[in-house]
Amino acid sequence: TLSDAFVIDRHRGDFLDLLDKGQIDILFANEAEIQSLAQIDDFDAAV
């Protein structure tokens, strides 16, 4: 679970690396968090 956008701001690289390496099977986020992780303002595009 991504928990909060401020966490993502500090560790976005780590989280994307975990995803890219297939280390995560289920990811939980809210709207703000998924947009922050993707660095995309549009919700559907971030998803």
PDB file of all heavy atoms in Angstrom:
ATOM      1  N   THR A   1       0.847  -1.190   0.000  1.00  0.00           N
ATOM      2  CA  THR A   1       0.000   0.000   0.000  1.00  0.00           C
ATOM      3  C   THR A   1       0.882   1.239   0.000  1.00  0.00           C
ATOM      4  O   THR A   1       1.808   1.357   0.805  1.00  0.00           O
ATOM      5  CB  THR A   1      -0.973   0.012   1.198  1.00  0.00           C
ATOM      6  OG1 THR A   1      -1.736   1.217   1.171  1.00  0.00           O
ATOM      7  CG2 THR A   1      -0.261  -0.104   2.528  1.00  0.00           C
ATOM      8  N   LEU A   2       0.602   2.171  -0.909  1.00  0.00           N
ATOM      9  CA  LEU A   2       1.457   3.336  -1.078  1.00  0.00           C
ATOM     10  C   LEU A   2       1.372   4.324   0.086  1.00  0.00           C
ATOM     11  O   LEU A   2       2.276   5.130   0.287  1.00  0.00           O
ATOM     12  CB  LEU A   2       1.111   4.054  -2.391  1.00  0.00           C
ATOM     13  CG  LEU A   2       1.542   3.310  -3.664  1.00  0.00           C
ATOM     14  CD1 LEU A   2       0.974   3.990  -4.900  1.00  0.00           C
ATOM     15  CD2 LEU A   2       3.061   3.223  -3.752  1.00  0.00           C
ATOM     16  N   SER A   3       0.287   4.305   0.808  1.00  0.00           N
ATOM     17  CA  SER A   3       0.114   5.046   2.069  1.00  0.00           C
ATOM     18  C   SER A   3      -0.107   6.543   1.933  1.00  0.00           C
ATOM     19  O   SER A   3      -1.040   7.098   2.482  1.00  0.00           O
ATOM     20  CB  SER A   3       1.274   4.800   3.040  1.00  0.00           C
ATOM     21  OG  SER A   3       1.316   3.463   3.460  1.00  0.00           O
ATOM     22  N   ASP A   4       0.767   7.274   1.226  1.00  0.00           N
ATOM     23  CA  ASP A   4       0.635   8.733   1.196  1.00  0.00           C
ATOM     24  C   ASP A   4       1.525   9.295   0.099  1.00  0.00           C
ATOM     25  O   ASP A   4       2.609   8.777  -0.169  1.00  0.00           O
ATOM     26  CB  ASP A   4       1.038   9.321   2.554  1.00  0.00           C
ATOM     27  CG  ASP A   4       0.513  10.735   2.760  1.00  0.00           C
ATOM     28  OD1 ASP A   4       1.095  11.656   2.153  1.00  0.00           O
ATOM     29  OD2 ASP A   4      -0.452  10.917   3.508  1.00  0.00           O
ATOM     30  N   ALA A   5       1.079  10.389  -0.503  1.00  0.00           N
ATOM     31  CA  ALA A   5       1.841  10.999  -1.593  1.00  0.00           C
ATOM     32  C   ALA A   5       3.223  11.463  -1.141  1.00  0.00           C
ATOM     33  O   ALA A   5       4.180  11.436  -1.914  1.00  0.00           O
ATOM     34  CB  ALA A   5       1.057  12.162  -2.210  1.00  0.00           C
ATOM     35  N   PHE A   6       3.337  11.884   0.144  1.00  0.00           N
ATOM     36  CA  PHE A   6       4.645  12.363   0.610  1.00  0.00           C
ATOM     37  C   PHE A   6       5.656  11.216   0.639  1.00  0.00           C
ATOM     38  O   PHE A   6       6.854  11.432   0.425  1.00  0.00           O
ATOM     39  CB  PHE A   6       4.530  13.030   1.986  1.00  0.00           C
ATOM     40  CG  PHE A   6       4.660  12.103   3.154  1.00  0.00           C
ATOM     41  CD1 PHE A   6       5.884  11.958   3.805  1.00  0.00           C
ATOM     42  CD2 PHE A   6       3.574  11.376   3.619  1.00  0.00           C
ATOM     43  CE1 PHE A   6       6.018  11.103   4.875  1.00  0.00           C
ATOM     44  CE2 PHE A   6       3.706  10.518   4.695  1.00  0.00           C
ATOM     45  CZ  PHE A   6       4.923  10.385   5.328  1.00  0.00           C
ATOM     46  N   VAL A   7       5.201  10.003   0.902  1.00  0.00           N
ATOM     47  CA  VAL A   7       6.088   8.835   0.876  1.00  0.00           C
ATOM     48  C   VAL A   7       6.546   8.584  -0.560  1.00  0.00           C
ATOM     49  O   VAL A   7       7.725   8.303  -0.817  1.00  0.00           O
ATOM     50  CB  VAL A   7       5.380   7.593   1.448  1.00  0.00           C
ATOM     51  CG1 VAL A   7       6.288   6.374   1.373  1.00  0.00           C
ATOM     52  CG2 VAL A   7       4.937   7.818   2.892  1.00  0.00           C
ATOM     53  N   ILE A   8       5.613   8.702  -1.486  1.00  0.00           N
ATOM     54  CA  ILE A   8       5.944   8.475  -2.893  1.00  0.00           C
ATOM     55  C   ILE A   8       6.965   9.493  -3.381  1.00  0.00           C
ATOM     56  O   ILE A   8       7.899   9.157  -4.121  1.00  0.00           O
ATOM     57  CB  ILE A   8       4.664   8.538  -3.753  1.00  0.00           C
ATOM     58  CG1 ILE A   8       3.680   7.445  -3.316  1.00  0.00           C
ATOM     59  CG2 ILE A   8       5.005   8.378  -5.240  1.00  0.00           C
ATOM     60  CD1 ILE A   8       2.290   7.628  -3.874  1.00  0.00           C
ATOM     61  N   ASP A   9       6.794  10.747  -2.966  1.00  0.00           N
ATOM     62  CA  ASP A   9       7.732  11.793  -3.396  1.00  0.00           C
ATOM     63  C   ASP A   9       9.172  11.434  -3.029  1.00  0.00           C
ATOM     64  O   ASP A   9      10.108  11.740  -3.766  1.00  0.00           O
ATOM     65  CB  ASP A   9       7.363  13.135  -2.752  1.00  0.00           C
ATOM     66  CG  ASP A   9       6.117  13.740  -3.369  1.00  0.00           C
ATOM     67  OD1 ASP A   9       5.745  13.322  -4.495  1.00  0.00           O
ATOM     68  OD2 ASP A   9       5.495  14.617  -2.736  1.00  0.00           O
ATOM     69  N   ARG A  10       9.337  10.786  -1.873  1.00  0.00           N
ATOM     70  CA  ARG A  10      10.692  10.457  -1.417  1.00  0.00           C
ATOM     71  C   ARG A  10      11.202   9.133  -1.974  1.00  0.00           C
ATOM     72  O   ARG A  10      12.414   8.918  -2.049  1.00  0.00           O
ATOM     73  CB  ARG A  10      10.719  10.418   0.118  1.00  0.00           C
ATOM     74  CG  ARG A  10      10.623  11.788   0.746  1.00  0.00           C
ATOM     75  CD  ARG A  10      11.181  11.783   2.161  1.00  0.00           C
ATOM     76  NE  ARG A  10      10.239  11.282   3.129  1.00  0.00           N
ATOM     77  CZ  ARG A  10       9.310  12.054   3.731  1.00  0.00           C
ATOM     78  NH1 ARG A  10       9.200  13.319   3.417  1.00  0.00           N
ATOM     79  NH2 ARG A  10       8.499  11.545   4.630  1.00  0.00           N
ATOM     80  N   HIS A  11      10.282   8.244  -2.328  1.00  0.00           N
ATOM     81  CA  HIS A  11      10.720   6.886  -2.677  1.00  0.00           C
ATOM     82  C   HIS A  11      10.130   6.385  -3.995  1.00  0.00           C
ATOM     83  O   HIS A  11      10.066   5.178  -4.225  1.00  0.00           O
ATOM     84  CB  HIS A  11      10.358   5.919  -1.548  1.00  0.00           C
ATOM     85  CG  HIS A  11      10.929   6.292  -0.226  1.00  0.00           C
ATOM     86  ND1 HIS A  11      12.272   6.197   0.056  1.00  0.00           N
ATOM     87  CD2 HIS A  11      10.339   6.810   0.886  1.00  0.00           C
ATOM     88  CE1 HIS A  11      12.492   6.612   1.300  1.00  0.00           C
ATOM     89  NE2 HIS A  11      11.347   6.995   1.812  1.00  0.00           N
ATOM     90  N   ARG A  12       9.728   7.305  -4.860  1.00  0.00           N
ATOM     91  CA  ARG A  12       9.112   6.908  -6.131  1.00  0.00           C
ATOM     92  C   ARG A  12      10.008   5.939  -6.910  1.00  0.00           C
ATOM     93  O   ARG A  12       9.543   4.931  -7.452  1.00  0.00           O
ATOM     94  CB  ARG A  12       8.817   8.146  -6.979  1.00  0.00           C
ATOM     95  CG  ARG A  12       8.088   7.817  -8.289  1.00  0.00           C
ATOM     96  CD  ARG A  12       7.811   9.080  -9.095  1.00  0.00           C
ATOM     97  NE  ARG A  12       6.814   9.927  -8.441  1.00  0.00           N
ATOM     98  CZ  ARG A  12       7.100  11.051  -7.784  1.00  0.00           C
ATOM     99  NH1 ARG A  12       8.365  11.475  -7.697  1.00  0.00           N
ATOM    100  NH2 ARG A  12       6.146  11.760  -7.217  1.00  0.00           N
ATOM    101  N   GLY A  13      11.296   6.231  -6.947  1.00  0.00           N
ATOM    102  CA  GLY A  13      12.225   5.371  -7.681  1.00  0.00           C
ATOM    103  C   GLY A  13      12.233   3.949  -7.151  1.00  0.00           C
ATOM    104  O   GLY A  13      12.222   2.984  -7.933  1.00  0.00           O
ATOM    105  N   ASP A  14      12.244   3.808  -5.830  1.00  0.00           N
ATOM    106  CA  ASP A  14      12.212   2.478  -5.214  1.00  0.00           C
ATOM    107  C   ASP A  14      10.936   1.733  -5.591  1.00  0.00           C
ATOM    108  O   ASP A  14      10.964   0.541  -5.941  1.00  0.00           O
ATOM    109  CB  ASP A  14      12.272   2.592  -3.686  1.00  0.00           C
ATOM    110  CG  ASP A  14      13.684   2.745  -3.163  1.00  0.00           C
ATOM    111  OD1 ASP A  14      14.633   2.707  -3.976  1.00  0.00           O
ATOM    112  OD2 ASP A  14      13.844   2.893  -1.938  1.00  0.00           O
ATOM    113  N   PHE A  15       9.794   2.423  -5.474  1.00  0.00           N
ATOM    114  CA  PHE A  15       8.511   1.764  -5.720  1.00  0.00           C
ATOM    115  C   PHE A  15       8.379   1.336  -7.182  1.00  0.00           C
ATOM    116  O   PHE A  15       7.919   0.224  -7.479  1.00  0.00           O
ATOM    117  CB  PHE A  15       7.356   2.689  -5.329  1.00  0.00           C
ATOM    118  CG  PHE A  15       7.314   3.046  -3.861  1.00  0.00           C
ATOM    119  CD1 PHE A  15       6.630   4.176  -3.422  1.00  0.00           C
ATOM    120  CD2 PHE A  15       7.952   2.263  -2.919  1.00  0.00           C
ATOM    121  CE1 PHE A  15       6.582   4.503  -2.079  1.00  0.00           C
ATOM    122  CE2 PHE A  15       7.915   2.582  -1.561  1.00  0.00           C
ATOM    123  CZ  PHE A  15       7.228   3.718  -1.140  1.00  0.00           C
ATOM    124  N   LEU A  16       8.789   2.203  -8.092  1.00  0.00           N
ATOM    125  CA  LEU A  16       8.729   1.836  -9.510  1.00  0.00           C
ATOM    126  C   LEU A  16       9.685   0.689  -9.817  1.00  0.00           C
ATOM    127  O   LEU A  16       9.366  -0.193 -10.632  1.00  0.00           O
ATOM    128  CB  LEU A  16       9.056   3.055 -10.379  1.00  0.00           C
ATOM    129  CG  LEU A  16       8.004   4.167 -10.375  1.00  0.00           C
ATOM    130  CD1 LEU A  16       8.520   5.380 -11.139  1.00  0.00           C
ATOM    131  CD2 LEU A  16       6.680   3.677 -10.968  1.00  0.00           C
ATOM    132  N   ASP A  17      10.816   0.669  -9.136  1.00  0.00           N
ATOM    133  CA  ASP A  17      11.775  -0.424  -9.325  1.00  0.00           C
ATOM    134  C   ASP A  17      11.188  -1.758  -8.856  1.00  0.00           C
ATOM    135  O   ASP A  17      11.354  -2.793  -9.522  1.00  0.00           O
ATOM    136  CB  ASP A  17      13.066  -0.111  -8.563  1.00  0.00           C
ATOM    137  CG  ASP A  17      14.165  -1.133  -8.845  1.00  0.00           C
ATOM    138  OD1 ASP A  17      14.539  -1.280 -10.028  1.00  0.00           O
ATOM    139  OD2 ASP A  17      14.648  -1.773  -7.885  1.00  0.00           O
ATOM    140  N   LEU A  18      10.503  -1.732  -7.712  1.00  0.00           N
ATOM    141  CA  LEU A  18       9.847  -2.954  -7.230  1.00  0.00           C
ATOM    142  C   LEU A  18       8.833  -3.459  -8.249  1.00  0.00           C
ATOM    143  O   LEU A  18       8.738  -4.672  -8.502  1.00  0.00           O
ATOM    144  CB  LEU A  18       9.140  -2.680  -5.891  1.00  0.00           C
ATOM    145  CG  LEU A  18      10.020  -2.462  -4.664  1.00  0.00           C
ATOM    146  CD1 LEU A  18       9.161  -2.030  -3.473  1.00  0.00           C
ATOM    147  CD2 LEU A  18      10.799  -3.727  -4.298  1.00  0.00           C
ATOM    148  N   LEU A  19       8.056  -2.533  -8.818  1.00  0.00           N
ATOM    149  CA  LEU A  19       7.063  -2.917  -9.814  1.00  0.00           C
ATOM    150  C   LEU A  19       7.729  -3.455 -11.075  1.00  0.00           C
ATOM    151  O   LEU A  19       7.325  -4.488 -11.616  1.00  0.00           O
ATOM    152  CB  LEU A  19       6.177  -1.716 -10.159  1.00  0.00           C
ATOM    153  CG  LEU A  19       5.251  -1.217  -9.046  1.00  0.00           C
ATOM    154  CD1 LEU A  19       4.584   0.091  -9.461  1.00  0.00           C
ATOM    155  CD2 LEU A  19       4.188  -2.257  -8.708  1.00  0.00           C
ATOM    156  N   ASP A  20       8.747  -2.755 -11.537  1.00  0.00           N
ATOM    157  CA  ASP A  20       9.416  -3.163 -12.779  1.00  0.00           C
ATOM    158  C   ASP A  20      10.097  -4.525 -12.652  1.00  0.00           C
ATOM    159  O   ASP A  20      10.242  -5.249 -13.645  1.00  0.00           O
ATOM    160  CB  ASP A  20      10.435  -2.100 -13.191  1.00  0.00           C
ATOM    161  CG  ASP A  20       9.780  -0.820 -13.692  1.00  0.00           C
ATOM    162  OD1 ASP A  20       8.602  -0.887 -14.106  1.00  0.00           O
ATOM    163  OD2 ASP A  20      10.433   0.242 -13.658  1.00  0.00           O
ATOM    164  N   LYS A  21      10.511  -4.860 -11.427  1.00  0.00           N
ATOM    165  CA  LYS A  21      11.174  -6.149 -11.202  1.00  0.00           C
ATOM    166  C   LYS A  21      10.198  -7.266 -10.842  1.00  0.00           C
ATOM    167  O   LYS A  21      10.606  -8.377 -10.510  1.00  0.00           O
ATOM    168  CB  LYS A  21      12.232  -6.000 -10.103  1.00  0.00           C
ATOM    169  CG  LYS A  21      13.440  -5.185 -10.544  1.00  0.00           C
ATOM    170  CD  LYS A  21      14.475  -5.073  -9.442  1.00  0.00           C
ATOM    171  CE  LYS A  21      15.713  -4.328  -9.934  1.00  0.00           C
ATOM    172  NZ  LYS A  21      16.705  -4.128  -8.841  1.00  0.00           N
ATOM    173  N   GLY A  22       8.888  -6.955 -10.894  1.00  0.00           N
ATOM    174  CA  GLY A  22       7.884  -7.975 -10.619  1.00  0.00           C
ATOM    175  C   GLY A  22       7.809  -8.413  -9.173  1.00  0.00           C
ATOM    176  O   GLY A  22       7.400  -9.545  -8.887  1.00  0.00           O
ATOM    177  N   GLN A  23       8.174  -7.504  -8.246  1.00  0.00           N
ATOM    178  CA  GLN A  23       8.179  -7.845  -6.829  1.00  0.00           C
ATOM    179  C   GLN A  23       6.826  -7.654  -6.144  1.00  0.00           C
ATOM    180  O   GLN A  23       6.628  -8.109  -5.028  1.00  0.00           O
ATOM    181  CB  GLN A  23       9.224  -6.985  -6.099  1.00  0.00           C
ATOM    182  CG  GLN A  23      10.641  -7.171  -6.594  1.00  0.00           C
ATOM    183  CD  GLN A  23      11.174  -8.556  -6.267  1.00  0.00           C
ATOM    184  OE1 GLN A  23      11.447  -8.872  -5.122  1.00  0.00           O
ATOM    185  NE2 GLN A  23      11.308  -9.393  -7.282  1.00  0.00           N
ATOM    186  N   ILE A  24       5.901  -6.949  -6.801  1.00  0.00           N
ATOM    187  CA  ILE A  24       4.600  -6.638  -6.202  1.00  0.00           C
ATOM    188  C   ILE A  24       3.488  -7.275  -7.034  1.00  0.00           C
ATOM    189  O   ILE A  24       3.440  -7.115  -8.255  1.00  0.00           O
ATOM    190  CB  ILE A  24       4.369  -5.108  -6.130  1.00  0.00           C
ATOM    191  CG1 ILE A  24       5.536  -4.401  -5.436  1.00  0.00           C
ATOM    192  CG2 ILE A  24       3.049  -4.799  -5.423  1.00  0.00           C
ATOM    193  CD1 ILE A  24       5.769  -4.813  -4.010  1.00  0.00           C
ATOM    194  N   ASP A  25       2.588  -7.977  -6.359  1.00  0.00           N
ATOM    195  CA  ASP A  25       1.450  -8.605  -7.032  1.00  0.00           C
ATOM    196  C   ASP A  25       0.182  -7.757  -6.942  1.00  0.00           C
ATOM    197  O   ASP A  25      -0.634  -7.757  -7.866  1.00  0.00           O
ATOM    198  CB  ASP A  25       1.167  -9.978  -6.403  1.00  0.00           C
ATOM    199  CG  ASP A  25       2.332 -10.934  -6.562  1.00  0.00           C
ATOM    200  OD1 ASP A  25       2.563 -11.404  -7.682  1.00  0.00           O
ATOM    201  OD2 ASP A  25       3.029 -11.186  -5.554  1.00  0.00           O
ATOM    202  N   ILE A  26       0.001  -7.084  -5.811  1.00  0.00           N
ATOM    203  CA  ILE A  26      -1.191  -6.254  -5.595  1.00  0.00           C
ATOM    204  C   ILE A  26      -0.727  -4.908  -5.046  1.00  0.00           C
ATOM    205  O   ILE A  26      -0.020  -4.860  -4.037  1.00  0.00           O
ATOM    206  CB  ILE A  26      -2.168  -6.903  -4.589  1.00  0.00           C
ATOM    207  CG1 ILE A  26      -2.555  -8.315  -5.021  1.00  0.00           C
ATOM    208  CG2 ILE A  26      -3.422  -6.030  -4.424  1.00  0.00           C
ATOM    209  CD1 ILE A  26      -3.333  -9.093  -3.955  1.00  0.00           C
ATOM    210  N   LEU A  27      -1.123  -3.829  -5.710  1.00  0.00           N
ATOM    211  CA  LEU A  27      -0.766  -2.483  -5.254  1.00  0.00           C
ATOM    212  C   LEU A  27      -2.036  -1.729  -4.905  1.00  0.00           C
ATOM    213  O   LEU A  27      -2.979  -1.674  -5.702  1.00  0.00           O
ATOM    214  CB  LEU A  27      -0.009  -1.736  -6.351  1.00  0.00           C
ATOM    215  CG  LEU A  27       0.463  -0.316  -5.984  1.00  0.00           C
ATOM    216  CD1 LEU A  27       1.558  -0.370  -4.920  1.00  0.00           C
ATOM    217  CD2 LEU A  27       0.963   0.418  -7.233  1.00  0.00           C
ATOM    218  N   PHE A  28      -2.063  -1.133  -3.689  1.00  0.00           N
ATOM    219  CA  PHE A  28      -3.189  -0.323  -3.241  1.00  0.00           C
ATOM    220  C   PHE A  28      -2.787   1.152  -3.262  1.00  0.00           C
ATOM    221  O   PHE A  28      -1.695   1.517  -2.806  1.00  0.00           O
ATOM    222  CB  PHE A  28      -3.607  -0.703  -1.820  1.00  0.00           C
ATOM    223  CG  PHE A  28      -4.226  -2.060  -1.704  1.00  0.00           C
ATOM    224  CD1 PHE A  28      -3.460  -3.171  -1.351  1.00  0.00           C
ATOM    225  CD2 PHE A  28      -5.589  -2.251  -1.931  1.00  0.00           C
ATOM    226  CE1 PHE A  28      -4.031  -4.434  -1.236  1.00  0.00           C
ATOM    227  CE2 PHE A  28      -6.164  -3.504  -1.826  1.00  0.00           C
ATOM    228  CZ  PHE A  28      -5.388  -4.603  -1.477  1.00  0.00           C
ATOM    229  N   ALA A  29      -3.683   1.995  -3.796  1.00  0.00           N
ATOM    230  CA  ALA A  29      -3.420   3.432  -3.858  1.00  0.00           C
ATOM    231  C   ALA A  29      -4.746   4.176  -3.846  1.00  0.00           C
ATOM    232  O   ALA A  29      -5.813   3.580  -4.072  1.00  0.00           O
ATOM    233  CB  ALA A  29      -2.656   3.778  -5.135  1.00  0.00           C
ATOM    234  N   ASN A  30      -4.688   5.499  -3.587  1.00  0.00           N
ATOM    235  CA  ASN A  30      -5.843   6.339  -3.856  1.00  0.00           C
ATOM    236  C   ASN A  30      -5.542   7.181  -5.089  1.00  0.00           C
ATOM    237  O   ASN A  30      -4.485   7.042  -5.707  1.00  0.00           O
ATOM    238  CB  ASN A  30      -6.230   7.187  -2.631  1.00  0.00           C
ATOM    239  CG  ASN A  30      -5.133   8.165  -2.209  1.00  0.00           C
ATOM    240  OD1 ASN A  30      -4.304   8.583  -3.016  1.00  0.00           O
ATOM    241  ND2 ASN A  30      -5.134   8.528  -0.940  1.00  0.00           N
ATOM    242  N   GLU A  31      -6.476   8.044  -5.453  1.00  0.00           N
ATOM    243  CA  GLU A  31      -6.306   8.823  -6.689  1.00  0.00           C
ATOM    244  C   GLU A  31      -5.026   9.656  -6.682  1.00  0.00           C
ATOM    245  O   GLU A  31      -4.251   9.654  -7.645  1.00  0.00           O
ATOM    246  CB  GLU A  31      -7.510   9.748  -6.885  1.00  0.00           C
ATOM    247  CG  GLU A  31      -8.676   9.090  -7.592  1.00  0.00           C
ATOM    248  CD  GLU A  31      -9.757  10.085  -7.949  1.00  0.00           C
ATOM    249  OE1 GLU A  31     -10.598  10.376  -7.091  1.00  0.00           O
ATOM    250  OE2 GLU A  31      -9.767  10.573  -9.108  1.00  0.00           O
ATOM    251  N   ALA A  32      -4.829  10.400  -5.596  1.00  0.00           N
ATOM    252  CA  ALA A  32      -3.656  11.271  -5.521  1.00  0.00           C
ATOM    253  C   ALA A  32      -2.368  10.466  -5.581  1.00  0.00           C
ATOM    254  O   ALA A  32      -1.389  10.875  -6.218  1.00  0.00           O
ATOM    255  CB  ALA A  32      -3.705  12.102  -4.238  1.00  0.00           C
ATOM    256  N   GLU A  33      -2.367   9.302  -4.925  1.00  0.00           N
ATOM    257  CA  GLU A  33      -1.146   8.488  -4.871  1.00  0.00           C
ATOM    258  C   GLU A  33      -0.798   7.883  -6.220  1.00  0.00           C
ATOM    259  O   GLU A  33       0.374   7.855  -6.608  1.00  0.00           O
ATOM    260  CB  GLU A  33      -1.322   7.394  -3.808  1.00  0.00           C
ATOM    261  CG  GLU A  33      -1.343   7.939  -2.390  1.00  0.00           C
ATOM    262  CD  GLU A  33      -2.000   6.999  -1.396  1.00  0.00           C
ATOM    263  OE1 GLU A  33      -2.377   5.861  -1.772  1.00  0.00           O
ATOM    264  OE2 GLU A  33      -2.168   7.410  -0.231  1.00  0.00           O
ATOM    265  N   ILE A  34      -1.805   7.388  -6.951  1.00  0.00           N
ATOM    266  CA  ILE A  34      -1.485   6.758  -8.235  1.00  0.00           C
ATOM    267  C   ILE A  34      -1.009   7.804  -9.234  1.00  0.00           C
ATOM    268  O   ILE A  34      -0.103   7.553 -10.051  1.00  0.00           O
ATOM    269  CB  ILE A  34      -2.692   5.946  -8.783  1.00  0.00           C
ATOM    270  CG1 ILE A  34      -2.211   4.911  -9.810  1.00  0.00           C
ATOM    271  CG2 ILE A  34      -3.767   6.827  -9.379  1.00  0.00           C
ATOM    272  CD1 ILE A  34      -1.325   3.845  -9.240  1.00  0.00           C
ATOM    273  N   GLN A  35      -1.568   9.009  -9.157  1.00  0.00           N
ATOM    274  CA  GLN A  35      -1.127  10.084 -10.040  1.00  0.00           C
ATOM    275  C   GLN A  35       0.278  10.553  -9.664  1.00  0.00           C
ATOM    276  O   GLN A  35       1.090  10.873 -10.532  1.00  0.00           O
ATOM    277  CB  GLN A  35      -2.126  11.242 -10.011  1.00  0.00           C
ATOM    278  CG  GLN A  35      -3.445  10.884 -10.699  1.00  0.00           C
ATOM    279  CD  GLN A  35      -4.535  11.919 -10.537  1.00  0.00           C
ATOM    280  OE1 GLN A  35      -5.709  11.620 -10.675  1.00  0.00           O
ATOM    281  NE2 GLN A  35      -4.168  13.151 -10.228  1.00  0.00           N
ATOM    282  N   SER A  36       0.570  10.562  -8.373  1.00  0.00           N
ATOM    283  CA  SER A  36       1.908  10.926  -7.923  1.00  0.00           C
ATOM    284  C   SER A  36       2.926   9.876  -8.364  1.00  0.00           C
ATOM    285  O   SER A  36       4.015  10.219  -8.835  1.00  0.00           O
ATOM    286  CB  SER A  36       1.939  11.074  -6.400  1.00  0.00           C
ATOM    287  OG  SER A  36       3.254  11.295  -5.943  1.00  0.00           O
ATOM    288  N   LEU A  37       2.582   8.604  -8.209  1.00  0.00           N
ATOM    289  CA  LEU A  37       3.514   7.536  -8.594  1.00  0.00           C
ATOM    290  C   LEU A  37       3.832   7.603 -10.083  1.00  0.00           C
ATOM    291  O   LEU A  37       4.984   7.477 -10.492  1.00  0.00           O
ATOM    292  CB  LEU A  37       2.933   6.166  -8.227  1.00  0.00           C
ATOM    293  CG  LEU A  37       3.832   4.965  -8.504  1.00  0.00           C
ATOM    294  CD1 LEU A  37       5.091   5.015  -7.643  1.00  0.00           C
ATOM    295  CD2 LEU A  37       3.078   3.655  -8.255  1.00  0.00           C
ATOM    296  N   ALA A  38       2.779   7.801 -10.891  1.00  0.00           N
ATOM    297  CA  ALA A  38       2.966   7.850 -12.337  1.00  0.00           C
ATOM    298  C   ALA A  38       3.485   9.204 -12.815  1.00  0.00           C
ATOM    299  O   ALA A  38       3.955   9.321 -13.945  1.00  0.00           O
ATOM    300  CB  ALA A  38       1.649   7.539 -13.043  1.00  0.00           C
ATOM    301  N   GLN A  39       3.392  10.213 -11.941  1.00  0.00           N
ATOM    302  CA  GLN A  39       3.717  11.604 -12.297  1.00  0.00           C
ATOM    303  C   GLN A  39       2.907  12.064 -13.509  1.00  0.00           C
ATOM    304  O   GLN A  39       3.398  12.706 -14.438  1.00  0.00           O
ATOM    305  CB  GLN A  39       5.218  11.767 -12.554  1.00  0.00           C
ATOM    306  CG  GLN A  39       6.066  11.562 -11.288  1.00  0.00           C
ATOM    307  CD  GLN A  39       7.524  11.879 -11.499  1.00  0.00           C
ATOM    308  OE1 GLN A  39       8.246  11.114 -12.139  1.00  0.00           O
ATOM    309  NE2 GLN A  39       7.978  13.004 -10.960  1.00  0.00           N
ATOM    310  N   ILE A  40       1.613  11.712 -13.443  1.00  0.00           N
ATOM    311  CA  ILE A  40       0.642  12.074 -14.485  1.00  0.00           C
ATOM    312  C   ILE A  40      -0.592  12.637 -13.790  1.00  0.00           C
ATOM    313  O   ILE A  40      -1.144  12.005 -12.885  1.00  0.00           O
ATOM    314  CB  ILE A  40       0.254  10.845 -15.345  1.00  0.00           C
ATOM    315  CG1 ILE A  40       1.485  10.286 -16.073  1.00  0.00           C
ATOM    316  CG2 ILE A  40      -0.841  11.206 -16.341  1.00  0.00           C
ATOM    317  CD1 ILE A  40       1.218   8.969 -16.804  1.00  0.00           C
ATOM    318  N   ASP A  41      -1.059  13.803 -14.209  1.00  0.00           N
ATOM    319  CA  ASP A  41      -2.197  14.448 -13.551  1.00  0.00           C
ATOM    320  C   ASP A  41      -3.540  13.824 -13.903  1.00  0.00           C
ATOM    321  O   ASP A  41      -4.497  13.934 -13.144  1.00  0.00           O
ATOM    322  CB  ASP A  41      -2.236  15.942 -13.893  1.00  0.00           C
ATOM    323  CG  ASP A  41      -1.112  16.722 -13.230  1.00  0.00           C
ATOM    324  OD1 ASP A  41      -0.590  16.229 -12.200  1.00  0.00           O
ATOM    325  OD2 ASP A  41      -0.738  17.793 -13.745  1.00  0.00           O
ATOM    326  N   ASP A  42      -3.636  13.183 -15.048  1.00  0.00           N
ATOM    327  CA  ASP A  42      -4.890  12.564 -15.472  1.00  0.00           C
ATOM    328  C   ASP A  42      -5.043  11.188 -14.827  1.00  0.00           C
ATOM    329  O   ASP A  42      -4.150  10.334 -14.939  1.00  0.00           O
ATOM    330  CB  ASP A  42      -4.924  12.430 -16.998  1.00  0.00           C
ATOM    331  CG  ASP A  42      -6.203  11.789 -17.498  1.00  0.00           C
ATOM    332  OD1 ASP A  42      -7.226  12.491 -17.546  1.00  0.00           O
ATOM    333  OD2 ASP A  42      -6.177  10.578 -17.811  1.00  0.00           O
ATOM    334  N   PHE A  43      -6.174  10.954 -14.155  1.00  0.00           N
ATOM    335  CA  PHE A  43      -6.370   9.712 -13.410  1.00  0.00           C
ATOM    336  C   PHE A  43      -6.283   8.477 -14.303  1.00  0.00           C
ATOM    337  O   PHE A  43      -5.535   7.533 -14.017  1.00  0.00           O
ATOM    338  CB  PHE A  43      -7.714   9.732 -12.673  1.00  0.00           C
ATOM    339  CG  PHE A  43      -8.059   8.430 -11.996  1.00  0.00           C
ATOM    340  CD1 PHE A  43      -7.383   8.032 -10.853  1.00  0.00           C
ATOM    341  CD2 PHE A  43      -9.035   7.594 -12.510  1.00  0.00           C
ATOM    342  CE1 PHE A  43      -7.677   6.824 -10.226  1.00  0.00           C
ATOM    343  CE2 PHE A  43      -9.335   6.394 -11.900  1.00  0.00           C
ATOM    344  CZ  PHE A  43      -8.658   6.009 -10.752  1.00  0.00           C
ATOM    345  N   ASP A  44      -7.072   8.455 -15.373  1.00  0.00           N
ATOM    346  CA  ASP A  44      -7.101   7.264 -16.227  1.00  0.00           C
ATOM    347  C   ASP A  44      -5.743   6.990 -16.863  1.00  0.00           C
ATOM    348  O   ASP A  44      -5.326   5.833 -16.992  1.00  0.00           O
ATOM    349  CB  ASP A  44      -8.171   7.425 -17.307  1.00  0.00           C
ATOM    350  CG  ASP A  44      -9.579   7.345 -16.741  1.00  0.00           C
ATOM    351  OD1 ASP A  44      -9.788   6.577 -15.785  1.00  0.00           O
ATOM    352  OD2 ASP A  44     -10.473   8.052 -17.240  1.00  0.00           O
ATOM    353  N   ALA A  45      -5.045   8.046 -17.236  1.00  0.00           N
ATOM    354  CA  ALA A  45      -3.718   7.866 -17.832  1.00  0.00           C
ATOM    355  C   ALA A  45      -2.732   7.324 -16.801  1.00  0.00           C
ATOM    356  O   ALA A  45      -1.882   6.479 -17.122  1.00  0.00           O
ATOM    357  CB  ALA A  45      -3.221   9.193 -18.402  1.00  0.00           C
ATOM    358  N   ALA A  46      -2.855   7.798 -15.547  1.00  0.00           N
ATOM    359  CA  ALA A  46      -1.975   7.308 -14.476  1.00  0.00           C
ATOM    360  C   ALA A  46      -2.236   5.831 -14.209  1.00  0.00           C
ATOM    361  O   ALA A  46      -1.298   5.035 -14.048  1.00  0.00           O
ATOM    362  CB  ALA A  46      -2.180   8.132 -13.212  1.00  0.00           C
ATOM    363  N   VAL A  47      -3.505   5.465 -14.159  1.00  0.00           N
ATOM    364  CA  VAL A  47      -3.869   4.051 -13.952  1.00  0.00           C
ATOM    365  C   VAL A  47      -3.311   3.189 -15.075  1.00  0.00           C
ATOM    366  O   VAL A  47      -2.742   2.114 -14.836  1.00  0.00           O
ATOM    367  CB  VAL A  47      -5.401   3.896 -13.841  1.00  0.00           C
ATOM    368  CG1 VAL A  47      -5.807   2.421 -13.945  1.00  0.00           C
ATOM    369  CG2 VAL A  47      -5.907   4.495 -12.538  1.00  0.00           C
TER     370      VAL A  47
END
